[in-house]
Amino acid sequence: MVETTVRNSSRNMEKELPPRPRRTQVEVLHDEIYTLRQRLARENEEKGRLIDELKEENTYLRRQVREHNKLISQLANTMRDAFTKCLTERRLPEEELVITGSGNKREEIRVYSEFDI
């Protein structure tokens, strides 16, 4: 009996409430536009973060390349100086001591390999 009273009272309440106005198509579209704009803003923010991370990594890698090039140059200069010193100590003719970076790589390798030190 209590159950039927509750059911009847809930039906009466439904009847008493004014019907909800249906959302118009324009309102639905406005909500969709709002949702899409928020998603676009989140995606743009994420892309911005990714771009910043990539720029930072790019800067780091460029520094690493410069440092490696510097070390390679130092190594090449050290090898050139050591080779020149070794040739000088062996008292080779002056024309054989001329070693420049202007020749092509094959010629330089050939010249170095002639003098097994």
PDB file of N, CA and C in Angstrom:
ATOM      1  N   MET A   1       0.812  -1.179   0.000  1.00  0.00           N
ATOM      2  CA  MET A   1       0.000   0.000   0.000  1.00  0.00           C
ATOM      3  C   MET A   1       0.862   1.252   0.000  1.00  0.00           C
ATOM      4  N   VAL A   2       1.905   1.215   0.765  1.00  0.00           N
ATOM      5  CA  VAL A   2       2.821   2.345   0.798  1.00  0.00           C
ATOM      6  C   VAL A   2       3.452   2.511  -0.578  1.00  0.00           C
ATOM      7  N   GLU A   3       3.736   1.388  -1.210  1.00  0.00           N
ATOM      8  CA  GLU A   3       4.364   1.420  -2.516  1.00  0.00           C
ATOM      9  C   GLU A   3       3.467   2.089  -3.543  1.00  0.00           C
ATOM     10  N   THR A   4       2.233   1.779  -3.531  1.00  0.00           N
ATOM     11  CA  THR A   4       1.308   2.378  -4.499  1.00  0.00           C
ATOM     12  C   THR A   4       1.158   3.855  -4.240  1.00  0.00           C
ATOM     13  N   THR A   5       1.203   4.260  -2.990  1.00  0.00           N
ATOM     14  CA  THR A   5       1.103   5.670  -2.662  1.00  0.00           C
ATOM     15  C   THR A   5       2.321   6.410  -3.190  1.00  0.00           C
ATOM     16  N   VAL A   6       3.496   5.830  -3.048  1.00  0.00           N
ATOM     17  CA  VAL A   6       4.719   6.458  -3.537  1.00  0.00           C
ATOM     18  C   VAL A   6       4.656   6.568  -5.047  1.00  0.00           C
ATOM     19  N   ARG A   7       4.209   5.517  -5.694  1.00  0.00           N
ATOM     20  CA  ARG A   7       4.108   5.561  -7.153  1.00  0.00           C
ATOM     21  C   ARG A   7       3.118   6.625  -7.601  1.00  0.00           C
ATOM     22  N   ASN A   8       2.010   6.665  -6.938  1.00  0.00           N
ATOM     23  CA  ASN A   8       0.988   7.652  -7.304  1.00  0.00           C
ATOM     24  C   ASN A   8       1.493   9.064  -7.070  1.00  0.00           C
ATOM     25  N   SER A   9       2.213   9.278  -5.978  1.00  0.00           N
ATOM     26  CA  SER A   9       2.711  10.621  -5.694  1.00  0.00           C
ATOM     27  C   SER A   9       3.780  11.024  -6.704  1.00  0.00           C
ATOM     28  N   SER A  10       4.624  10.060  -7.135  1.00  0.00           N
ATOM     29  CA  SER A  10       5.635  10.404  -8.125  1.00  0.00           C
ATOM     30  C   SER A  10       4.990  10.708  -9.466  1.00  0.00           C
ATOM     31  N   ARG A  11       3.926  10.016  -9.804  1.00  0.00           N
ATOM     32  CA  ARG A  11       3.208  10.326 -11.048  1.00  0.00           C
ATOM     33  C   ARG A  11       2.588  11.712 -10.981  1.00  0.00           C
ATOM     34  N   ASN A  12       2.055  12.031  -9.814  1.00  0.00           N
ATOM     35  CA  ASN A  12       1.452  13.351  -9.641  1.00  0.00           C
ATOM     36  C   ASN A  12       2.507  14.439  -9.767  1.00  0.00           C
ATOM     37  N   MET A  13       3.713  14.174  -9.242  1.00  0.00           N
ATOM     38  CA  MET A  13       4.790  15.165  -9.326  1.00  0.00           C
ATOM     39  C   MET A  13       5.186  15.376 -10.774  1.00  0.00           C
ATOM     40  N   GLU A  14       5.246  14.279 -11.525  1.00  0.00           N
ATOM     41  CA  GLU A  14       5.597  14.400 -12.933  1.00  0.00           C
ATOM     42  C   GLU A  14       4.570  15.240 -13.667  1.00  0.00           C
ATOM     43  N   LYS A  15       3.343  15.064 -13.298  1.00  0.00           N
ATOM     44  CA  LYS A  15       2.285  15.837 -13.951  1.00  0.00           C
ATOM     45  C   LYS A  15       2.372  17.305 -13.570  1.00  0.00           C
ATOM     46  N   GLU A  16       2.814  17.570 -12.340  1.00  0.00           N
ATOM     47  CA  GLU A  16       2.874  18.945 -11.860  1.00  0.00           C
ATOM     48  C   GLU A  16       4.048  19.718 -12.460  1.00  0.00           C
ATOM     49  N   LEU A  17       5.129  19.015 -12.772  1.00  0.00           N
ATOM     50  CA  LEU A  17       6.298  19.696 -13.333  1.00  0.00           C
ATOM     51  C   LEU A  17       5.983  20.153 -14.744  1.00  0.00           C
ATOM     52  N   PRO A  18       6.405  21.363 -15.046  1.00  0.00           N
ATOM     53  CA  PRO A  18       6.187  21.807 -16.428  1.00  0.00           C
ATOM     54  C   PRO A  18       7.090  21.010 -17.361  1.00  0.00           C
ATOM     55  N   PRO A  19       6.657  20.751 -18.543  1.00  0.00           N
ATOM     56  CA  PRO A  19       7.488  19.981 -19.467  1.00  0.00           C
ATOM     57  C   PRO A  19       8.770  20.750 -19.787  1.00  0.00           C
ATOM     58  N   ARG A  20       9.861  19.992 -19.874  1.00  0.00           N
ATOM     59  CA  ARG A  20      11.143  20.634 -20.202  1.00  0.00           C
ATOM     60  C   ARG A  20      11.091  21.083 -21.648  1.00  0.00           C
ATOM     61  N   PRO A  21      11.519  22.289 -21.877  1.00  0.00           N
ATOM     62  CA  PRO A  21      11.536  22.734 -23.275  1.00  0.00           C
ATOM     63  C   PRO A  21      12.619  21.963 -24.025  1.00  0.00           C
ATOM     64  N   ARG A  22      12.319  21.553 -25.216  1.00  0.00           N
ATOM     65  CA  ARG A  22      13.297  20.829 -26.023  1.00  0.00           C
ATOM     66  C   ARG A  22      14.356  21.807 -26.491  1.00  0.00           C
ATOM     67  N   ARG A  23      15.559  21.305 -26.493  1.00  0.00           N
ATOM     68  CA  ARG A  23      16.646  22.162 -26.960  1.00  0.00           C
ATOM     69  C   ARG A  23      16.506  22.339 -28.453  1.00  0.00           C
ATOM     70  N   THR A  24      16.749  23.540 -28.857  1.00  0.00           N
ATOM     71  CA  THR A  24      16.661  23.810 -30.286  1.00  0.00           C
ATOM     72  C   THR A  24      17.927  23.324 -30.967  1.00  0.00           C
ATOM     73  N   GLN A  25      17.840  23.178 -32.241  1.00  0.00           N
ATOM     74  CA  GLN A  25      18.997  22.725 -33.015  1.00  0.00           C
ATOM     75  C   GLN A  25      20.142  23.722 -32.883  1.00  0.00           C
ATOM     76  N   VAL A  26      19.826  24.992 -32.784  1.00  0.00           N
ATOM     77  CA  VAL A  26      20.856  26.028 -32.635  1.00  0.00           C
ATOM     78  C   VAL A  26      21.596  25.842 -31.316  1.00  0.00           C
ATOM     79  N   GLU A  27      20.864  25.554 -30.239  1.00  0.00           N
ATOM     80  CA  GLU A  27      21.510  25.341 -28.946  1.00  0.00           C
ATOM     81  C   GLU A  27      22.420  24.112 -28.981  1.00  0.00           C
ATOM     82  N   VAL A  28      21.956  23.063 -29.628  1.00  0.00           N
ATOM     83  CA  VAL A  28      22.770  21.854 -29.750  1.00  0.00           C
ATOM     84  C   VAL A  28      24.047  22.170 -30.521  1.00  0.00           C
ATOM     85  N   LEU A  29      23.924  22.911 -31.604  1.00  0.00           N
ATOM     86  CA  LEU A  29      25.097  23.273 -32.404  1.00  0.00           C
ATOM     87  C   LEU A  29      26.057  24.162 -31.617  1.00  0.00           C
ATOM     88  N   HIS A  30      25.504  25.084 -30.820  1.00  0.00           N
ATOM     89  CA  HIS A  30      26.364  25.939 -29.986  1.00  0.00           C
ATOM     90  C   HIS A  30      27.156  25.091 -28.994  1.00  0.00           C
ATOM     91  N   ASP A  31      26.513  24.107 -28.404  1.00  0.00           N
ATOM     92  CA  ASP A  31      27.220  23.218 -27.471  1.00  0.00           C
ATOM     93  C   ASP A  31      28.314  22.431 -28.187  1.00  0.00           C
ATOM     94  N   GLU A  32      28.020  21.946 -29.371  1.00  0.00           N
ATOM     95  CA  GLU A  32      29.020  21.206 -30.138  1.00  0.00           C
ATOM     96  C   GLU A  32      30.199  22.102 -30.502  1.00  0.00           C
ATOM     97  N   ILE A  33      29.904  23.330 -30.893  1.00  0.00           N
ATOM     98  CA  ILE A  33      30.973  24.285 -31.224  1.00  0.00           C
ATOM     99  C   ILE A  33      31.846  24.531 -29.995  1.00  0.00           C
ATOM    100  N   TYR A  34      31.203  24.723 -28.841  1.00  0.00           N
ATOM    101  CA  TYR A  34      31.946  24.952 -27.604  1.00  0.00           C
ATOM    102  C   TYR A  34      32.864  23.765 -27.298  1.00  0.00           C
ATOM    103  N   THR A  35      32.330  22.552 -27.422  1.00  0.00           N
ATOM    104  CA  THR A  35      33.111  21.341 -27.164  1.00  0.00           C
ATOM    105  C   THR A  35      34.291  21.238 -28.127  1.00  0.00           C
ATOM    106  N   LEU A  36      34.035  21.495 -29.401  1.00  0.00           N
ATOM    107  CA  LEU A  36      35.106  21.421 -30.404  1.00  0.00           C
ATOM    108  C   LEU A  36      36.178  22.475 -30.158  1.00  0.00           C
ATOM    109  N   ARG A  37      35.774  23.662 -29.748  1.00  0.00           N
ATOM    110  CA  ARG A  37      36.756  24.721 -29.458  1.00  0.00           C
ATOM    111  C   ARG A  37      37.630  24.339 -28.269  1.00  0.00           C
ATOM    112  N   GLN A  38      37.007  23.729 -27.274  1.00  0.00           N
ATOM    113  CA  GLN A  38      37.804  23.308 -26.115  1.00  0.00           C
ATOM    114  C   GLN A  38      38.790  22.209 -26.504  1.00  0.00           C
ATOM    115  N   ARG A  39      38.349  21.267 -27.315  1.00  0.00           N
ATOM    116  CA  ARG A  39      39.242  20.200 -27.763  1.00  0.00           C
ATOM    117  C   ARG A  39      40.379  20.783 -28.594  1.00  0.00           C
ATOM    118  N   LEU A  40      40.053  21.726 -29.483  1.00  0.00           N
ATOM    119  CA  LEU A  40      41.075  22.369 -30.309  1.00  0.00           C
ATOM    120  C   LEU A  40      42.091  23.106 -29.434  1.00  0.00           C
ATOM    121  N   ALA A  41      41.605  23.796 -28.400  1.00  0.00           N
ATOM    122  CA  ALA A  41      42.513  24.512 -27.497  1.00  0.00           C
ATOM    123  C   ALA A  41      43.451  23.534 -26.790  1.00  0.00           C
ATOM    124  N   ARG A  42      42.918  22.389 -26.328  1.00  0.00           N
ATOM    125  CA  ARG A  42      43.765  21.389 -25.667  1.00  0.00           C
ATOM    126  C   ARG A  42      44.798  20.829 -26.636  1.00  0.00           C
ATOM    127  N   GLU A  43      44.374  20.534 -27.864  1.00  0.00           N
ATOM    128  CA  GLU A  43      45.298  19.989 -28.859  1.00  0.00           C
ATOM    129  C   GLU A  43      46.381  21.001 -29.216  1.00  0.00           C
ATOM    130  N   ASN A  44      45.998  22.271 -29.345  1.00  0.00           N
ATOM    131  CA  ASN A  44      46.990  23.312 -29.647  1.00  0.00           C
ATOM    132  C   ASN A  44      47.985  23.472 -28.503  1.00  0.00           C
ATOM    133  N   GLU A  45      47.491  23.369 -27.288  1.00  0.00           N
ATOM    134  CA  GLU A  45      48.380  23.467 -26.128  1.00  0.00           C
ATOM    135  C   GLU A  45      49.372  22.303 -26.120  1.00  0.00           C
ATOM    136  N   GLU A  46      48.880  21.107 -26.415  1.00  0.00           N
ATOM    137  CA  GLU A  46      49.750  19.926 -26.471  1.00  0.00           C
ATOM    138  C   GLU A  46      50.778  20.066 -27.590  1.00  0.00           C
ATOM    139  N   LYS A  47      50.340  20.547 -28.749  1.00  0.00           N
ATOM    140  CA  LYS A  47      51.276  20.756 -29.861  1.00  0.00           C
ATOM    141  C   LYS A  47      52.329  21.784 -29.486  1.00  0.00           C
ATOM    142  N   GLY A  48      51.922  22.835 -28.796  1.00  0.00           N
ATOM    143  CA  GLY A  48      52.872  23.850 -28.353  1.00  0.00           C
ATOM    144  C   GLY A  48      53.927  23.263 -27.429  1.00  0.00           C
ATOM    145  N   ARG A  49      53.482  22.400 -26.501  1.00  0.00           N
ATOM    146  CA  ARG A  49      54.443  21.748 -25.594  1.00  0.00           C
ATOM    147  C   ARG A  49      55.405  20.861 -26.375  1.00  0.00           C
ATOM    148  N   LEU A  50      54.867  20.107 -27.332  1.00  0.00           N
ATOM    149  CA  LEU A  50      55.728  19.236 -28.137  1.00  0.00           C
ATOM    150  C   LEU A  50      56.737  20.048 -28.944  1.00  0.00           C
ATOM    151  N   ILE A  51      56.292  21.156 -29.518  1.00  0.00           N
ATOM    152  CA  ILE A  51      57.197  22.016 -30.292  1.00  0.00           C
ATOM    153  C   ILE A  51      58.301  22.552 -29.391  1.00  0.00           C
ATOM    154  N   ASP A  52      57.941  22.989 -28.189  1.00  0.00           N
ATOM    155  CA  ASP A  52      58.951  23.490 -27.253  1.00  0.00           C
ATOM    156  C   ASP A  52      59.961  22.402 -26.891  1.00  0.00           C
ATOM    157  N   GLU A  53      59.475  21.177 -26.654  1.00  0.00           N
ATOM    158  CA  GLU A  53      60.383  20.073 -26.338  1.00  0.00           C
ATOM    159  C   GLU A  53      61.318  19.784 -27.506  1.00  0.00           C
ATOM    160  N   LEU A  54      60.779  19.795 -28.723  1.00  0.00           N
ATOM    161  CA  LEU A  54      61.606  19.526 -29.901  1.00  0.00           C
ATOM    162  C   LEU A  54      62.635  20.630 -30.121  1.00  0.00           C
ATOM    163  N   LYS A  55      62.244  21.884 -29.882  1.00  0.00           N
ATOM    164  CA  LYS A  55      63.200  22.985 -30.011  1.00  0.00           C
ATOM    165  C   LYS A  55      64.336  22.820 -29.004  1.00  0.00           C
ATOM    166  N   GLU A  56      63.972  22.443 -27.789  1.00  0.00           N
ATOM    167  CA  GLU A  56      64.982  22.243 -26.747  1.00  0.00           C
ATOM    168  C   GLU A  56      65.933  21.104 -27.127  1.00  0.00           C
ATOM    169  N   GLU A  57      65.369  20.009 -27.616  1.00  0.00           N
ATOM    170  CA  GLU A  57      66.198  18.874 -28.034  1.00  0.00           C
ATOM    171  C   GLU A  57      67.079  19.254 -29.220  1.00  0.00           C
ATOM    172  N   ASN A  58      66.538  20.033 -30.150  1.00  0.00           N
ATOM    173  CA  ASN A  58      67.298  20.483 -31.313  1.00  0.00           C
ATOM    174  C   ASN A  58      68.484  21.340 -30.876  1.00  0.00           C
ATOM    175  N   THR A  59      68.250  22.247 -29.948  1.00  0.00           N
ATOM    176  CA  THR A  59      69.326  23.092 -29.429  1.00  0.00           C
ATOM    177  C   THR A  59      70.408  22.231 -28.775  1.00  0.00           C
ATOM    178  N   TYR A  60      69.983  21.248 -27.990  1.00  0.00           N
ATOM    179  CA  TYR A  60      70.933  20.349 -27.332  1.00  0.00           C
ATOM    180  C   TYR A  60      71.762  19.589 -28.370  1.00  0.00           C
ATOM    181  N   LEU A  61      71.100  19.050 -29.384  1.00  0.00           N
ATOM    182  CA  LEU A  61      71.812  18.275 -30.403  1.00  0.00           C
ATOM    183  C   LEU A  61      72.775  19.152 -31.201  1.00  0.00           C
ATOM    184  N   ARG A  62      72.385  20.385 -31.485  1.00  0.00           N
ATOM    185  CA  ARG A  62      73.291  21.298 -32.198  1.00  0.00           C
ATOM    186  C   ARG A  62      74.542  21.570 -31.365  1.00  0.00           C
ATOM    187  N   ARG A  63      74.357  21.747 -30.053  1.00  0.00           N
ATOM    188  CA  ARG A  63      75.518  21.946 -29.176  1.00  0.00           C
ATOM    189  C   ARG A  63      76.423  20.720 -29.193  1.00  0.00           C
ATOM    190  N   GLN A  64      75.805  19.546 -29.163  1.00  0.00           N
ATOM    191  CA  GLN A  64      76.578  18.304 -29.201  1.00  0.00           C
ATOM    192  C   GLN A  64      77.369  18.199 -30.503  1.00  0.00           C
ATOM    193  N   VAL A  65      76.764  18.551 -31.626  1.00  0.00           N
ATOM    194  CA  VAL A  65      77.454  18.500 -32.922  1.00  0.00           C
ATOM    195  C   VAL A  65      78.638  19.458 -32.913  1.00  0.00           C
ATOM    196  N   ARG A  66      78.424  20.680 -32.404  1.00  0.00           N
ATOM    197  CA  ARG A  66      79.534  21.640 -32.337  1.00  0.00           C
ATOM    198  C   ARG A  66      80.666  21.101 -31.467  1.00  0.00           C
ATOM    199  N   GLU A  67      80.313  20.513 -30.329  1.00  0.00           N
ATOM    200  CA  GLU A  67      81.331  19.969 -29.430  1.00  0.00           C
ATOM    201  C   GLU A  67      82.082  18.813 -30.095  1.00  0.00           C
ATOM    202  N   HIS A  68      81.361  17.934 -30.781  1.00  0.00           N
ATOM    203  CA  HIS A  68      82.023  16.821 -31.469  1.00  0.00           C
ATOM    204  C   HIS A  68      82.938  17.324 -32.582  1.00  0.00           C
ATOM    205  N   ASN A  69      82.461  18.309 -33.338  1.00  0.00           N
ATOM    206  CA  ASN A  69      83.303  18.876 -34.401  1.00  0.00           C
ATOM    207  C   ASN A  69      84.566  19.505 -33.822  1.00  0.00           C
ATOM    208  N   LYS A  70      84.414  20.165 -32.683  1.00  0.00           N
ATOM    209  CA  LYS A  70      85.571  20.772 -32.024  1.00  0.00           C
ATOM    210  C   LYS A  70      86.566  19.689 -31.598  1.00  0.00           C
ATOM    211  N   LEU A  71      86.057  18.604 -31.018  1.00  0.00           N
ATOM    212  CA  LEU A  71      86.934  17.514 -30.586  1.00  0.00           C
ATOM    213  C   LEU A  71      87.609  16.835 -31.775  1.00  0.00           C
ATOM    214  N   ILE A  72      86.880  16.649 -32.861  1.00  0.00           N
ATOM    215  CA  ILE A  72      87.463  16.048 -34.067  1.00  0.00           C
ATOM    216  C   ILE A  72      88.567  16.942 -34.613  1.00  0.00           C
ATOM    217  N   SER A  73      88.323  18.247 -34.618  1.00  0.00           N
ATOM    218  CA  SER A  73      89.330  19.193 -35.096  1.00  0.00           C
ATOM    219  C   SER A  73      90.576  19.148 -34.209  1.00  0.00           C
ATOM    220  N   GLN A  74      90.374  19.100 -32.900  1.00  0.00           N
ATOM    221  CA  GLN A  74      91.515  19.017 -31.986  1.00  0.00           C
ATOM    222  C   GLN A  74      92.299  17.725 -32.212  1.00  0.00           C
ATOM    223  N   LEU A  75      91.584  16.642 -32.404  1.00  0.00           N
ATOM    224  CA  LEU A  75      92.237  15.359 -32.656  1.00  0.00           C
ATOM    225  C   LEU A  75      93.032  15.397 -33.957  1.00  0.00           C
ATOM    226  N   ALA A  76      92.436  15.958 -35.010  1.00  0.00           N
ATOM    227  CA  ALA A  76      93.136  16.057 -36.299  1.00  0.00           C
ATOM    228  C   ALA A  76      94.383  16.925 -36.168  1.00  0.00           C
ATOM    229  N   ASN A  77      94.277  18.036 -35.457  1.00  0.00           N
ATOM    230  CA  ASN A  77      95.439  18.910 -35.262  1.00  0.00           C
ATOM    231  C   ASN A  77      96.533  18.203 -34.463  1.00  0.00           C
ATOM    232  N   THR A  78      96.131  17.466 -33.444  1.00  0.00           N
ATOM    233  CA  THR A  78      97.109  16.723 -32.644  1.00  0.00           C
ATOM    234  C   THR A  78      97.818  15.681 -33.491  1.00  0.00           C
ATOM    235  N   MET A  79      97.053  14.960 -34.299  1.00  0.00           N
ATOM    236  CA  MET A  79      97.657  13.944 -35.170  1.00  0.00           C
ATOM    237  C   MET A  79      98.595  14.588 -36.185  1.00  0.00           C
ATOM    238  N   ARG A  80      98.182  15.719 -36.751  1.00  0.00           N
ATOM    239  CA  ARG A  80      99.041  16.417 -37.715  1.00  0.00           C
ATOM    240  C   ARG A  80     100.340  16.859 -37.050  1.00  0.00           C
ATOM    241  N   ASP A  81     100.219  17.444 -35.864  1.00  0.00           N
ATOM    242  CA  ASP A  81     101.411  17.914 -35.158  1.00  0.00           C
ATOM    243  C   ASP A  81     102.335  16.750 -34.791  1.00  0.00           C
ATOM    244  N   ALA A  82     101.752  15.643 -34.322  1.00  0.00           N
ATOM    245  CA  ALA A  82     102.568  14.480 -33.959  1.00  0.00           C
ATOM    246  C   ALA A  82     103.243  13.897 -35.193  1.00  0.00           C
ATOM    247  N   PHE A  83     102.538  13.831 -36.286  1.00  0.00           N
ATOM    248  CA  PHE A  83     103.096  13.295 -37.517  1.00  0.00           C
ATOM    249  C   PHE A  83     104.225  14.188 -38.025  1.00  0.00           C
ATOM    250  N   THR A  84     104.000  15.495 -37.994  1.00  0.00           N
ATOM    251  CA  THR A  84     105.025  16.442 -38.432  1.00  0.00           C
ATOM    252  C   THR A  84     106.257  16.334 -37.541  1.00  0.00           C
ATOM    253  N   LYS A  85     106.058  16.233 -36.233  1.00  0.00           N
ATOM    254  CA  LYS A  85     107.180  16.106 -35.302  1.00  0.00           C
ATOM    255  C   LYS A  85     107.955  14.816 -35.580  1.00  0.00           C
ATOM    256  N   CYS A  86     107.244  13.744 -35.815  1.00  0.00           N
ATOM    257  CA  CYS A  86     107.890  12.459 -36.096  1.00  0.00           C
ATOM    258  C   CYS A  86     108.704  12.542 -37.387  1.00  0.00           C
ATOM    259  N   LEU A  87     108.141  13.167 -38.413  1.00  0.00           N
ATOM    260  CA  LEU A  87     108.861  13.308 -39.681  1.00  0.00           C
ATOM    261  C   LEU A  87     110.094  14.183 -39.511  1.00  0.00           C
ATOM    262  N   THR A  88     109.975  15.216 -38.711  1.00  0.00           N
ATOM    263  CA  THR A  88     111.102  16.117 -38.478  1.00  0.00           C
ATOM    264  C   THR A  88     112.227  15.386 -37.752  1.00  0.00           C
ATOM    265  N   GLU A  89     111.871  14.573 -36.787  1.00  0.00           N
ATOM    266  CA  GLU A  89     112.888  13.831 -36.037  1.00  0.00           C
ATOM    267  C   GLU A  89     113.602  12.813 -36.916  1.00  0.00           C
ATOM    268  N   ARG A  90     112.948  12.319 -37.935  1.00  0.00           N
ATOM    269  CA  ARG A  90     113.588  11.365 -38.848  1.00  0.00           C
ATOM    270  C   ARG A  90     114.440  12.091 -39.888  1.00  0.00           C
ATOM    271  N   ARG A  91     114.362  13.398 -39.921  1.00  0.00           N
ATOM    272  CA  ARG A  91     115.132  14.252 -40.818  1.00  0.00           C
ATOM    273  C   ARG A  91     114.902  13.889 -42.281  1.00  0.00           C
ATOM    274  N   LEU A  92     113.631  13.855 -42.627  1.00  0.00           N
ATOM    275  CA  LEU A  92     113.273  13.598 -44.019  1.00  0.00           C
ATOM    276  C   LEU A  92     113.459  14.869 -44.831  1.00  0.00           C
ATOM    277  N   PRO A  93     113.637  14.737 -46.128  1.00  0.00           N
ATOM    278  CA  PRO A  93     113.791  15.932 -46.960  1.00  0.00           C
ATOM    279  C   PRO A  93     112.602  16.877 -46.777  1.00  0.00           C
ATOM    280  N   GLU A  94     112.890  18.166 -46.929  1.00  0.00           N
ATOM    281  CA  GLU A  94     111.896  19.206 -46.661  1.00  0.00           C
ATOM    282  C   GLU A  94     110.624  19.038 -47.489  1.00  0.00           C
ATOM    283  N   GLU A  95     110.747  18.642 -48.773  1.00  0.00           N
ATOM    284  CA  GLU A  95     109.538  18.541 -49.596  1.00  0.00           C
ATOM    285  C   GLU A  95     108.589  17.446 -49.093  1.00  0.00           C
ATOM    286  N   GLU A  96     109.108  16.469 -48.389  1.00  0.00           N
ATOM    287  CA  GLU A  96     108.239  15.423 -47.854  1.00  0.00           C
ATOM    288  C   GLU A  96     107.541  15.864 -46.574  1.00  0.00           C
ATOM    289  N   LEU A  97     108.035  16.935 -45.958  1.00  0.00           N
ATOM    290  CA  LEU A  97     107.428  17.421 -44.724  1.00  0.00           C
ATOM    291  C   LEU A  97     106.203  18.291 -44.969  1.00  0.00           C
ATOM    292  N   VAL A  98     106.005  18.709 -46.187  1.00  0.00           N
ATOM    293  CA  VAL A  98     104.881  19.606 -46.470  1.00  0.00           C
ATOM    294  C   VAL A  98     103.592  18.791 -46.472  1.00  0.00           C
ATOM    295  N   ILE A  99     102.801  19.021 -45.476  1.00  0.00           N
ATOM    296  CA  ILE A  99     101.511  18.334 -45.361  1.00  0.00           C
ATOM    297  C   ILE A  99     100.457  19.416 -45.165  1.00  0.00           C
ATOM    298  N   THR A 100      99.554  19.507 -46.085  1.00  0.00           N
ATOM    299  CA  THR A 100      98.510  20.530 -45.975  1.00  0.00           C
ATOM    300  C   THR A 100      97.152  19.861 -46.069  1.00  0.00           C
ATOM    301  N   GLY A 101      96.171  20.588 -45.660  1.00  0.00           N
ATOM    302  CA  GLY A 101      94.801  20.100 -45.760  1.00  0.00           C
ATOM    303  C   GLY A 101      94.180  20.410 -47.096  1.00  0.00           C
ATOM    304  N   SER A 102      94.963  21.006 -48.018  1.00  0.00           N
ATOM    305  CA  SER A 102      94.386  21.403 -49.304  1.00  0.00           C
ATOM    306  C   SER A 102      94.296  20.252 -50.292  1.00  0.00           C
ATOM    307  N   GLY A 103      95.074  19.192 -50.082  1.00  0.00           N
ATOM    308  CA  GLY A 103      95.027  18.043 -50.992  1.00  0.00           C
ATOM    309  C   GLY A 103      93.756  17.246 -50.774  1.00  0.00           C
ATOM    310  N   ASN A 104      93.472  16.370 -51.726  1.00  0.00           N
ATOM    311  CA  ASN A 104      92.277  15.560 -51.501  1.00  0.00           C
ATOM    312  C   ASN A 104      92.596  14.445 -50.514  1.00  0.00           C
ATOM    313  N   LYS A 105      91.568  13.839 -49.982  1.00  0.00           N
ATOM    314  CA  LYS A 105      91.736  12.868 -48.895  1.00  0.00           C
ATOM    315  C   LYS A 105      92.549  11.648 -49.323  1.00  0.00           C
ATOM    316  N   ARG A 106      92.351  11.159 -50.519  1.00  0.00           N
ATOM    317  CA  ARG A 106      93.093   9.976 -50.966  1.00  0.00           C
ATOM    318  C   ARG A 106      94.594  10.247 -51.001  1.00  0.00           C
ATOM    319  N   GLU A 107      94.975  11.436 -51.483  1.00  0.00           N
ATOM    320  CA  GLU A 107      96.402  11.767 -51.538  1.00  0.00           C
ATOM    321  C   GLU A 107      96.985  11.843 -50.136  1.00  0.00           C
ATOM    322  N   GLU A 108      96.258  12.460 -49.215  1.00  0.00           N
ATOM    323  CA  GLU A 108      96.764  12.584 -47.853  1.00  0.00           C
ATOM    324  C   GLU A 108      96.915  11.218 -47.209  1.00  0.00           C
ATOM    325  N   ILE A 109      95.954  10.351 -47.410  1.00  0.00           N
ATOM    326  CA  ILE A 109      96.048   9.001 -46.846  1.00  0.00           C
ATOM    327  C   ILE A 109      97.239   8.263 -47.444  1.00  0.00           C
ATOM    328  N   ARG A 110      97.442   8.411 -48.736  1.00  0.00           N
ATOM    329  CA  ARG A 110      98.567   7.751 -49.398  1.00  0.00           C
ATOM    330  C   ARG A 110      99.881   8.262 -48.818  1.00  0.00           C
ATOM    331  N   VAL A 111     100.004   9.576 -48.648  1.00  0.00           N
ATOM    332  CA  VAL A 111     101.238  10.153 -48.114  1.00  0.00           C
ATOM    333  C   VAL A 111     101.485   9.628 -46.708  1.00  0.00           C
ATOM    334  N   TYR A 112     100.473   9.603 -45.861  1.00  0.00           N
ATOM    335  CA  TYR A 112     100.644   9.133 -44.491  1.00  0.00           C
ATOM    336  C   TYR A 112     101.012   7.660 -44.457  1.00  0.00           C
ATOM    337  N   SER A 113     100.401   6.861 -45.320  1.00  0.00           N
ATOM    338  CA  SER A 113     100.653   5.423 -45.265  1.00  0.00           C
ATOM    339  C   SER A 113     102.030   5.056 -45.810  1.00  0.00           C
ATOM    340  N   GLU A 114     102.662   5.946 -46.570  1.00  0.00           N
ATOM    341  CA  GLU A 114     104.007   5.666 -47.068  1.00  0.00           C
ATOM    342  C   GLU A 114     105.017   5.637 -45.938  1.00  0.00           C
ATOM    343  N   PHE A 115     104.728   6.373 -44.882  1.00  0.00           N
ATOM    344  CA  PHE A 115     105.654   6.467 -43.758  1.00  0.00           C
ATOM    345  C   PHE A 115     105.082   5.690 -42.583  1.00  0.00           C
ATOM    346  N   ASP A 116     105.253   4.418 -42.565  1.00  0.00           N
ATOM    347  CA  ASP A 116     104.785   3.624 -41.432  1.00  0.00           C
ATOM    348  C   ASP A 116     105.618   3.977 -40.222  1.00  0.00           C
ATOM    349  N   ILE A 117     104.969   4.559 -39.269  1.00  0.00           N
ATOM    350  CA  ILE A 117     105.683   5.048 -38.088  1.00  0.00           C
ATOM    351  C   ILE A 117     105.305   4.209 -36.901  1.00  0.00           C
TER     352      ILE A 117
END
